[in-house]
Amino acid sequence: MVKIEVFGVGCPKCKKTEENCKQAVKELGIKAEVTHVYDQMEMLKRGITDNPSVVIDGKLVVSGRVPEVQEIKKWLSVRK
């Protein structure tokens, strides 16, 4: 199972990033856990300073912008 973490304080961009991740998972039909990390201390502990950020299986794939569904699908396809 793929683990997708969205890091952000809950702003509209962070929420859109989470929605896009869930949509990408749905379209690919893969098993994945999508979680949203709101804790700023956890973000800093993990070296994440920009919102929104996406971590897939422990690897930071994007930071500081909202990725499109197609882009997320490409990242996930590599991991299938």
Protein backbone atom coordinates (compact mmCIF):
# COMPACT_ATOMS: atom_id res chain seq x y z
CA MET A 1 0.00 0.00 0.00
CA VAL A 2 1.24 3.46 -0.91
CA LYS A 3 1.43 6.03 1.88
CA ILE A 4 0.66 9.60 0.80
CA GLU A 5 1.05 12.43 3.28
CA VAL A 6 -0.16 15.95 2.57
CA PHE A 7 1.46 18.56 4.79
CA GLY A 8 -0.28 21.87 5.36
CA VAL A 9 -2.10 23.96 7.92
CA GLY A 10 -5.52 23.55 6.30
CA CYS A 11 -5.56 26.43 3.83
CA PRO A 12 -7.52 26.09 0.56
CA LYS A 13 -4.34 25.09 -1.34
CA CYS A 14 -3.62 22.34 1.18
CA LYS A 15 -7.17 21.03 0.97
CA LYS A 16 -7.03 21.08 -2.85
CA THR A 17 -3.77 19.13 -2.75
CA GLU A 18 -5.39 16.47 -0.55
CA GLU A 19 -8.40 16.29 -2.91
CA ASN A 20 -6.10 15.93 -5.93
CA CYS A 21 -4.17 13.12 -4.24
CA LYS A 22 -7.38 11.25 -3.44
CA GLN A 23 -8.62 11.76 -6.99
CA ALA A 24 -5.36 10.41 -8.45
CA VAL A 25 -5.58 7.31 -6.24
CA LYS A 26 -9.20 6.78 -7.28
CA GLU A 27 -8.44 7.16 -11.00
CA LEU A 28 -5.51 4.73 -10.81
CA GLY A 29 -7.48 2.25 -8.73
CA ILE A 30 -4.59 1.60 -6.37
CA LYS A 31 -4.52 0.95 -2.65
CA ALA A 32 -3.19 4.01 -0.87
CA GLU A 33 -3.53 5.75 2.44
CA VAL A 34 -3.89 9.52 2.11
CA THR A 35 -3.37 11.46 5.32
CA HIS A 36 -3.19 15.18 6.04
CA VAL A 37 -0.60 16.36 8.56
CA TYR A 38 -1.60 19.70 10.09
CA ASP A 39 0.98 19.76 12.91
CA GLN A 40 3.56 22.48 12.19
CA MET A 41 6.07 20.95 14.60
CA GLU A 42 5.87 17.64 12.72
CA MET A 43 6.41 19.52 9.47
CA LEU A 44 9.52 21.22 10.81
CA LYS A 45 10.77 17.95 12.28
CA ARG A 46 10.51 16.40 8.80
CA GLY A 47 12.21 19.40 7.16
CA ILE A 48 9.06 20.67 5.46
CA THR A 49 8.81 24.45 5.41
CA ASP A 50 6.47 25.17 2.49
CA ASN A 51 2.75 24.48 2.26
CA PRO A 52 1.33 22.46 0.70
CA SER A 53 3.80 19.58 0.47
CA VAL A 54 3.32 15.97 -0.55
CA VAL A 55 5.35 13.02 0.69
CA ILE A 56 4.90 9.62 -0.97
CA ASP A 57 6.34 6.60 0.83
CA GLY A 58 8.63 8.88 2.84
CA LYS A 59 9.94 10.88 -0.15
CA LEU A 60 9.11 14.56 -0.62
CA VAL A 61 7.77 14.94 -4.17
CA VAL A 62 6.45 18.51 -4.18
CA SER A 63 6.55 21.53 -1.90
CA GLY A 64 5.05 24.99 -2.07
CA ARG A 65 2.45 24.40 -4.80
CA VAL A 66 -0.68 22.43 -5.62
CA PRO A 67 0.13 19.49 -7.89
CA GLU A 68 -2.35 18.55 -10.61
CA VAL A 69 -4.05 15.15 -10.57
CA GLN A 70 -2.14 14.03 -13.70
CA GLU A 71 1.19 14.89 -12.06
CA ILE A 72 0.31 12.91 -8.94
CA LYS A 73 -0.75 9.96 -11.09
CA LYS A 74 2.69 9.96 -12.73
CA TRP A 75 4.40 9.83 -9.32
CA LEU A 76 2.15 7.00 -8.21
CA SER A 77 2.49 5.02 -11.44
CA VAL A 78 6.24 4.79 -10.88
CA ARG A 79 5.52 3.10 -7.52
CA LYS A 80 2.96 0.54 -8.76
